[in-house]
């Protein structure tokens, strides 16, 4: 992959990751780097899924592909946020219940 491909993947990852975060209500406790990584992975997976179901590379803007990518990014952000906060809240509640 050329440097322009890497740069465009990062830019698309940022856009998809941010849109995925905006699709979720409330505050997400993950960093910008995690958001970009989730966005890049969601963009790649979303493109593969869209190509697999035959909705990629249409005339104009590929809205269905974008929706798949944003949905995957929102799912990834939610899973990372739940993983980060789920463990801490369980430990805190366990400590309070057994004092």
Foldseek 3Di string as FASTA:
>chain_A
DDPVVVVVLQVQLQVLLVLLCVVDPDDFPDDSVQSSVQSSVLLVVLQVVCVVVVQPDDPDDSVSSSVSSSPSSNVSSVVVRCVVVVVVVVVVVVVVVPD
